Amino acid sequence: MGNLQLLEGELNLEKKDIEFSKWIEGTHSSEEGRNNYCQRNYIPECDYNICNFKEFIDKRNILIKGYLTKILDNGN
């Protein structure tokens, strides 16, 4: 679940094979822009280097599960 990120159209073409850490820095040059993107897409604060992939996925799963729990609990 934590590795699924559907990128639409132009973003998908821009991302291609670029390492995530380099892509997010280039796509969102301001810290505020990066923070907003990460918050909207449940991207955790951590080192985005591929060597840290497990930590990234674990933290992202926690964010996604928290969001799903919140919206599903509100439906009751």
PDB file of N, CA and C in Angstrom:
ATOM      1  N   MET A   1       0.829  -1.191   0.000  1.00  0.00           N
ATOM      2  CA  MET A   1       0.000   0.000   0.000  1.00  0.00           C
ATOM      3  C   MET A   1       0.873   1.254   0.000  1.00  0.00           C
ATOM      4  N   GLY A   2       1.918   1.294   0.787  1.00  0.00           N
ATOM      5  CA  GLY A   2       2.730   2.491   0.933  1.00  0.00           C
ATOM      6  C   GLY A   2       3.563   2.852  -0.274  1.00  0.00           C
ATOM      7  N   ASN A   3       3.679   1.951  -1.238  1.00  0.00           N
ATOM      8  CA  ASN A   3       4.481   2.241  -2.420  1.00  0.00           C
ATOM      9  C   ASN A   3       3.604   2.630  -3.605  1.00  0.00           C
ATOM     10  N   LEU A   4       2.306   2.681  -3.411  1.00  0.00           N
ATOM     11  CA  LEU A   4       1.392   3.010  -4.497  1.00  0.00           C
ATOM     12  C   LEU A   4       1.186   4.514  -4.567  1.00  0.00           C
ATOM     13  N   GLN A   5       1.551   5.104  -5.659  1.00  0.00           N
ATOM     14  CA  GLN A   5       1.345   6.533  -5.876  1.00  0.00           C
ATOM     15  C   GLN A   5       1.039   6.709  -7.348  1.00  0.00           C
ATOM     16  N   LEU A   6      -0.216   6.957  -7.660  1.00  0.00           N
ATOM     17  CA  LEU A   6      -0.595   7.171  -9.041  1.00  0.00           C
ATOM     18  C   LEU A   6      -0.326   8.613  -9.423  1.00  0.00           C
ATOM     19  N   LEU A   7       0.513   8.795 -10.408  1.00  0.00           N
ATOM     20  CA  LEU A   7       0.809  10.125 -10.909  1.00  0.00           C
ATOM     21  C   LEU A   7       0.099  10.285 -12.242  1.00  0.00           C
ATOM     22  N   GLU A   8      -0.640  11.353 -12.364  1.00  0.00           N
ATOM     23  CA  GLU A   8      -1.407  11.570 -13.578  1.00  0.00           C
ATOM     24  C   GLU A   8      -0.619  12.381 -14.597  1.00  0.00           C
ATOM     25  N   GLY A   9      -0.875  12.122 -15.833  1.00  0.00           N
ATOM     26  CA  GLY A   9      -0.400  12.888 -16.968  1.00  0.00           C
ATOM     27  C   GLY A   9       1.002  13.430 -16.890  1.00  0.00           C
ATOM     28  N   GLU A  10       1.086  14.770 -16.825  1.00  0.00           N
ATOM     29  CA  GLU A  10       2.367  15.454 -16.897  1.00  0.00           C
ATOM     30  C   GLU A  10       3.306  15.070 -15.751  1.00  0.00           C
ATOM     31  N   LEU A  11       2.781  14.923 -14.524  1.00  0.00           N
ATOM     32  CA  LEU A  11       3.636  14.520 -13.405  1.00  0.00           C
ATOM     33  C   LEU A  11       4.284  13.169 -13.665  1.00  0.00           C
ATOM     34  N   ASN A  12       3.522  12.242 -14.231  1.00  0.00           N
ATOM     35  CA  ASN A  12       4.051  10.920 -14.533  1.00  0.00           C
ATOM     36  C   ASN A  12       5.174  11.012 -15.563  1.00  0.00           C
ATOM     37  N   LEU A  13       4.990  11.836 -16.576  1.00  0.00           N
ATOM     38  CA  LEU A  13       6.022  12.014 -17.601  1.00  0.00           C
ATOM     39  C   LEU A  13       7.267  12.675 -17.022  1.00  0.00           C
ATOM     40  N   GLU A  14       7.070  13.629 -16.107  1.00  0.00           N
ATOM     41  CA  GLU A  14       8.206  14.307 -15.486  1.00  0.00           C
ATOM     42  C   GLU A  14       8.992  13.372 -14.574  1.00  0.00           C
ATOM     43  N   LYS A  15       8.312  12.525 -13.833  1.00  0.00           N
ATOM     44  CA  LYS A  15       8.949  11.669 -12.823  1.00  0.00           C
ATOM     45  C   LYS A  15       9.803  10.595 -13.467  1.00  0.00           C
ATOM     46  N   LYS A  16       9.261   9.850 -14.377  1.00  0.00           N
ATOM     47  CA  LYS A  16       9.929   8.735 -15.056  1.00  0.00           C
ATOM     48  C   LYS A  16      10.851   7.968 -14.113  1.00  0.00           C
ATOM     49  N   ASP A  17      12.147   7.919 -14.424  1.00  0.00           N
ATOM     50  CA  ASP A  17      13.110   7.135 -13.647  1.00  0.00           C
ATOM     51  C   ASP A  17      13.935   7.985 -12.682  1.00  0.00           C
ATOM     52  N   ILE A  18      13.477   9.181 -12.395  1.00  0.00           N
ATOM     53  CA  ILE A  18      14.237  10.065 -11.508  1.00  0.00           C
ATOM     54  C   ILE A  18      14.052   9.610 -10.062  1.00  0.00           C
ATOM     55  N   GLU A  19      15.147   9.571  -9.323  1.00  0.00           N
ATOM     56  CA  GLU A  19      15.086   9.218  -7.911  1.00  0.00           C
ATOM     57  C   GLU A  19      14.149  10.198  -7.197  1.00  0.00           C
ATOM     58  N   PHE A  20      13.317   9.681  -6.285  1.00  0.00           N
ATOM     59  CA  PHE A  20      12.284  10.480  -5.648  1.00  0.00           C
ATOM     60  C   PHE A  20      12.840  11.728  -4.974  1.00  0.00           C
ATOM     61  N   SER A  21      13.942  11.591  -4.239  1.00  0.00           N
ATOM     62  CA  SER A  21      14.505  12.743  -3.528  1.00  0.00           C
ATOM     63  C   SER A  21      14.874  13.869  -4.492  1.00  0.00           C
ATOM     64  N   LYS A  22      15.422  13.526  -5.649  1.00  0.00           N
ATOM     65  CA  LYS A  22      15.789  14.532  -6.644  1.00  0.00           C
ATOM     66  C   LYS A  22      14.549  15.102  -7.325  1.00  0.00           C
ATOM     67  N   TRP A  23      13.581  14.241  -7.585  1.00  0.00           N
ATOM     68  CA  TRP A  23      12.356  14.674  -8.254  1.00  0.00           C
ATOM     69  C   TRP A  23      11.577  15.660  -7.393  1.00  0.00           C
ATOM     70  N   ILE A  24      11.393  15.336  -6.119  1.00  0.00           N
ATOM     71  CA  ILE A  24      10.581  16.215  -5.266  1.00  0.00           C
ATOM     72  C   ILE A  24      11.266  17.555  -5.040  1.00  0.00           C
ATOM     73  N   GLU A  25      12.590  17.555  -4.945  1.00  0.00           N
ATOM     74  CA  GLU A  25      13.329  18.813  -4.798  1.00  0.00           C
ATOM     75  C   GLU A  25      13.175  19.669  -6.058  1.00  0.00           C
ATOM     76  N   GLY A  26      13.249  19.040  -7.225  1.00  0.00           N
ATOM     77  CA  GLY A  26      13.149  19.778  -8.481  1.00  0.00           C
ATOM     78  C   GLY A  26      11.735  20.218  -8.808  1.00  0.00           C
ATOM     79  N   THR A  27      10.763  19.414  -8.437  1.00  0.00           N
ATOM     80  CA  THR A  27       9.371  19.716  -8.748  1.00  0.00           C
ATOM     81  C   THR A  27       8.791  20.757  -7.802  1.00  0.00           C
ATOM     82  N   HIS A  28       9.202  20.692  -6.553  1.00  0.00           N
ATOM     83  CA  HIS A  28       8.689  21.608  -5.526  1.00  0.00           C
ATOM     84  C   HIS A  28       9.876  22.331  -4.910  1.00  0.00           C
ATOM     85  N   SER A  29      10.261  23.447  -5.522  1.00  0.00           N
ATOM     86  CA  SER A  29      11.489  24.123  -5.116  1.00  0.00           C
ATOM     87  C   SER A  29      11.385  24.788  -3.745  1.00  0.00           C
ATOM     88  N   SER A  30      10.188  25.183  -3.338  1.00  0.00           N
ATOM     89  CA  SER A  30      10.064  25.804  -2.020  1.00  0.00           C
ATOM     90  C   SER A  30       9.738  24.739  -0.972  1.00  0.00           C
ATOM     91  N   GLU A  31      10.200  24.995   0.233  1.00  0.00           N
ATOM     92  CA  GLU A  31       9.925  24.070   1.335  1.00  0.00           C
ATOM     93  C   GLU A  31       8.426  23.969   1.590  1.00  0.00           C
ATOM     94  N   GLU A  32       7.731  25.089   1.485  1.00  0.00           N
ATOM     95  CA  GLU A  32       6.280  25.092   1.684  1.00  0.00           C
ATOM     96  C   GLU A  32       5.585  24.228   0.631  1.00  0.00           C
ATOM     97  N   GLY A  33       6.027  24.332  -0.619  1.00  0.00           N
ATOM     98  CA  GLY A  33       5.457  23.520  -1.692  1.00  0.00           C
ATOM     99  C   GLY A  33       5.680  22.034  -1.463  1.00  0.00           C
ATOM    100  N   ARG A  34       6.902  21.668  -1.057  1.00  0.00           N
ATOM    101  CA  ARG A  34       7.205  20.258  -0.749  1.00  0.00           C
ATOM    102  C   ARG A  34       6.355  19.769   0.415  1.00  0.00           C
ATOM    103  N   ASN A  35       6.270  20.586   1.466  1.00  0.00           N
ATOM    104  CA  ASN A  35       5.483  20.185   2.636  1.00  0.00           C
ATOM    105  C   ASN A  35       4.014  19.980   2.275  1.00  0.00           C
ATOM    106  N   ASN A  36       3.464  20.875   1.465  1.00  0.00           N
ATOM    107  CA  ASN A  36       2.069  20.731   1.041  1.00  0.00           C
ATOM    108  C   ASN A  36       1.864  19.468   0.216  1.00  0.00           C
ATOM    109  N   TYR A  37       2.777  19.227  -0.721  1.00  0.00           N
ATOM    110  CA  TYR A  37       2.680  18.019  -1.554  1.00  0.00           C
ATOM    111  C   TYR A  37       2.756  16.768  -0.681  1.00  0.00           C
ATOM    112  N   CYS A  38       3.718  16.753   0.226  1.00  0.00           N
ATOM    113  CA  CYS A  38       3.906  15.583   1.091  1.00  0.00           C
ATOM    114  C   CYS A  38       2.693  15.357   1.983  1.00  0.00           C
ATOM    115  N   GLN A  39       2.142  16.422   2.511  1.00  0.00           N
ATOM    116  CA  GLN A  39       0.970  16.282   3.370  1.00  0.00           C
ATOM    117  C   GLN A  39      -0.232  15.760   2.574  1.00  0.00           C
ATOM    118  N   ARG A  40      -0.459  16.298   1.388  1.00  0.00           N
ATOM    119  CA  ARG A  40      -1.593  15.855   0.552  1.00  0.00           C
ATOM    120  C   ARG A  40      -1.457  14.400   0.111  1.00  0.00           C
ATOM    121  N   ASN A  41      -0.207  13.929  -0.030  1.00  0.00           N
ATOM    122  CA  ASN A  41       0.031  12.591  -0.576  1.00  0.00           C
ATOM    123  C   ASN A  41       0.589  11.603   0.440  1.00  0.00           C
ATOM    124  N   TYR A  42       0.516  11.965   1.720  1.00  0.00           N
ATOM    125  CA  TYR A  42       0.920  11.069   2.813  1.00  0.00           C
ATOM    126  C   TYR A  42       2.368  10.601   2.650  1.00  0.00           C
ATOM    127  N   ILE A  43       3.228  11.556   2.343  1.00  0.00           N
ATOM    128  CA  ILE A  43       4.656  11.300   2.225  1.00  0.00           C
ATOM    129  C   ILE A  43       5.280  11.669   3.569  1.00  0.00           C
ATOM    130  N   PRO A  44       5.911  10.728   4.250  1.00  0.00           N
ATOM    131  CA  PRO A  44       6.454  11.008   5.582  1.00  0.00           C
ATOM    132  C   PRO A  44       7.719  11.863   5.528  1.00  0.00           C
ATOM    133  N   GLU A  45       8.011  12.490   6.642  1.00  0.00           N
ATOM    134  CA  GLU A  45       9.277  13.194   6.782  1.00  0.00           C
ATOM    135  C   GLU A  45      10.347  12.164   7.100  1.00  0.00           C
ATOM    136  N   CYS A  46      11.275  11.994   6.191  1.00  0.00           N
ATOM    137  CA  CYS A  46      12.394  11.071   6.390  1.00  0.00           C
ATOM    138  C   CYS A  46      13.387  11.288   5.265  1.00  0.00           C
ATOM    139  N   ASP A  47      14.457  10.554   5.289  1.00  0.00           N
ATOM    140  CA  ASP A  47      15.446  10.589   4.218  1.00  0.00           C
ATOM    141  C   ASP A  47      14.860   9.804   3.039  1.00  0.00           C
ATOM    142  N   TYR A  48      14.754  10.434   1.869  1.00  0.00           N
ATOM    143  CA  TYR A  48      14.130   9.786   0.715  1.00  0.00           C
ATOM    144  C   TYR A  48      15.103   8.960  -0.121  1.00  0.00           C
ATOM    145  N   ASN A  49      16.299   8.758   0.360  1.00  0.00           N
ATOM    146  CA  ASN A  49      17.273   7.941  -0.335  1.00  0.00           C
ATOM    147  C   ASN A  49      16.759   6.501  -0.431  1.00  0.00           C
ATOM    148  N   ILE A  50      17.055   5.826  -1.516  1.00  0.00           N
ATOM    149  CA  ILE A  50      16.590   4.454  -1.739  1.00  0.00           C
ATOM    150  C   ILE A  50      17.050   3.512  -0.627  1.00  0.00           C
ATOM    151  N   CYS A  51      18.160   3.828   0.009  1.00  0.00           N
ATOM    152  CA  CYS A  51      18.643   2.996   1.124  1.00  0.00           C
ATOM    153  C   CYS A  51      17.686   3.048   2.309  1.00  0.00           C
ATOM    154  N   ASN A  52      16.847   4.056   2.359  1.00  0.00           N
ATOM    155  CA  ASN A  52      15.888   4.241   3.447  1.00  0.00           C
ATOM    156  C   ASN A  52      14.480   3.800   3.047  1.00  0.00           C
ATOM    157  N   PHE A  53      14.376   3.028   1.996  1.00  0.00           N
ATOM    158  CA  PHE A  53      13.060   2.679   1.444  1.00  0.00           C
ATOM    159  C   PHE A  53      12.145   2.013   2.468  1.00  0.00           C
ATOM    160  N   LYS A  54      12.651   1.077   3.253  1.00  0.00           N
ATOM    161  CA  LYS A  54      11.809   0.384   4.236  1.00  0.00           C
ATOM    162  C   LYS A  54      11.246   1.365   5.260  1.00  0.00           C
ATOM    163  N   GLU A  55      12.088   2.267   5.762  1.00  0.00           N
ATOM    164  CA  GLU A  55      11.611   3.263   6.720  1.00  0.00           C
ATOM    165  C   GLU A  55      10.526   4.144   6.083  1.00  0.00           C
ATOM    166  N   PHE A  56      10.770   4.563   4.833  1.00  0.00           N
ATOM    167  CA  PHE A  56       9.799   5.379   4.106  1.00  0.00           C
ATOM    168  C   PHE A  56       8.457   4.661   4.002  1.00  0.00           C
ATOM    169  N   ILE A  57       8.485   3.405   3.572  1.00  0.00           N
ATOM    170  CA  ILE A  57       7.249   2.639   3.402  1.00  0.00           C
ATOM    171  C   ILE A  57       6.548   2.430   4.742  1.00  0.00           C
ATOM    172  N   ASP A  58       7.300   2.086   5.775  1.00  0.00           N
ATOM    173  CA  ASP A  58       6.696   1.876   7.098  1.00  0.00           C
ATOM    174  C   ASP A  58       6.006   3.144   7.595  1.00  0.00           C
ATOM    175  N   LYS A  59       6.684   4.280   7.467  1.00  0.00           N
ATOM    176  CA  LYS A  59       6.107   5.547   7.927  1.00  0.00           C
ATOM    177  C   LYS A  59       4.919   5.959   7.066  1.00  0.00           C
ATOM    178  N   ARG A  60       5.012   5.704   5.773  1.00  0.00           N
ATOM    179  CA  ARG A  60       3.905   6.075   4.888  1.00  0.00           C
ATOM    180  C   ARG A  60       2.683   5.200   5.163  1.00  0.00           C
ATOM    181  N   ASN A  61       2.901   3.929   5.427  1.00  0.00           N
ATOM    182  CA  ASN A  61       1.780   3.048   5.772  1.00  0.00           C
ATOM    183  C   ASN A  61       1.065   3.551   7.011  1.00  0.00           C
ATOM    184  N   ILE A  62       1.805   4.025   7.993  1.00  0.00           N
ATOM    185  CA  ILE A  62       1.191   4.560   9.216  1.00  0.00           C
ATOM    186  C   ILE A  62       0.326   5.777   8.883  1.00  0.00           C
ATOM    187  N   LEU A  63       0.838   6.671   8.035  1.00  0.00           N
ATOM    188  CA  LEU A  63       0.062   7.853   7.649  1.00  0.00           C
ATOM    189  C   LEU A  63      -1.211   7.476   6.896  1.00  0.00           C
ATOM    190  N   ILE A  64      -1.093   6.558   5.954  1.00  0.00           N
ATOM    191  CA  ILE A  64      -2.250   6.150   5.149  1.00  0.00           C
ATOM    192  C   ILE A  64      -3.281   5.424   6.016  1.00  0.00           C
ATOM    193  N   LYS A  65      -2.819   4.519   6.867  1.00  0.00           N
ATOM    194  CA  LYS A  65      -3.751   3.802   7.752  1.00  0.00           C
ATOM    195  C   LYS A  65      -4.452   4.765   8.701  1.00  0.00           C
ATOM    196  N   GLY A  66      -3.719   5.754   9.199  1.00  0.00           N
ATOM    197  CA  GLY A  66      -4.335   6.759  10.069  1.00  0.00           C
ATOM    198  C   GLY A  66      -5.429   7.516   9.357  1.00  0.00           C
ATOM    199  N   TYR A  67      -5.171   7.907   8.112  1.00  0.00           N
ATOM    200  CA  TYR A  67      -6.168   8.621   7.322  1.00  0.00           C
ATOM    201  C   TYR A  67      -7.399   7.737   7.057  1.00  0.00           C
ATOM    202  N   LEU A  68      -7.166   6.502   6.642  1.00  0.00           N
ATOM    203  CA  LEU A  68      -8.281   5.600   6.356  1.00  0.00           C
ATOM    204  C   LEU A  68      -9.103   5.315   7.607  1.00  0.00           C
ATOM    205  N   THR A  69      -8.428   5.120   8.719  1.00  0.00           N
ATOM    206  CA  THR A  69      -9.140   4.884   9.983  1.00  0.00           C
ATOM    207  C   THR A  69     -10.013   6.088  10.319  1.00  0.00           C
ATOM    208  N   LYS A  70      -9.478   7.272  10.147  1.00  0.00           N
ATOM    209  CA  LYS A  70     -10.219   8.488  10.466  1.00  0.00           C
ATOM    210  C   LYS A  70     -11.470   8.620   9.599  1.00  0.00           C
ATOM    211  N   ILE A  71     -11.333   8.432   8.294  1.00  0.00           N
ATOM    212  CA  ILE A  71     -12.509   8.622   7.434  1.00  0.00           C
ATOM    213  C   ILE A  71     -13.515   7.483   7.586  1.00  0.00           C
ATOM    214  N   LEU A  72     -13.039   6.263   7.864  1.00  0.00           N
ATOM    215  CA  LEU A  72     -13.953   5.144   8.030  1.00  0.00           C
ATOM    216  C   LEU A  72     -14.675   5.228   9.371  1.00  0.00           C
ATOM    217  N   ASP A  73     -13.998   5.706  10.396  1.00  0.00           N
ATOM    218  CA  ASP A  73     -14.632   5.878  11.701  1.00  0.00           C
ATOM    219  C   ASP A  73     -15.672   6.986  11.671  1.00  0.00           C
ATOM    220  N   ASN A  74     -15.453   8.014  10.866  1.00  0.00           N
ATOM    221  CA  ASN A  74     -16.410   9.103  10.757  1.00  0.00           C
ATOM    222  C   ASN A  74     -17.674   8.680  10.026  1.00  0.00           C
ATOM    223  N   GLY A  75     -17.602   7.603   9.296  1.00  0.00           N
ATOM    224  CA  GLY A  75     -18.768   7.110   8.565  1.00  0.00           C
ATOM    225  C   GLY A  75     -19.754   6.352   9.430  1.00  0.00           C
ATOM    226  N   ASN A  76     -19.391   6.054  10.665  1.00  0.00           N
ATOM    227  CA  ASN A  76     -20.287   5.290  11.561  1.00  0.00           C
ATOM    228  C   ASN A  76     -21.175   6.188  12.344  1.00  0.00           C
TER     229      ASN A  76
END
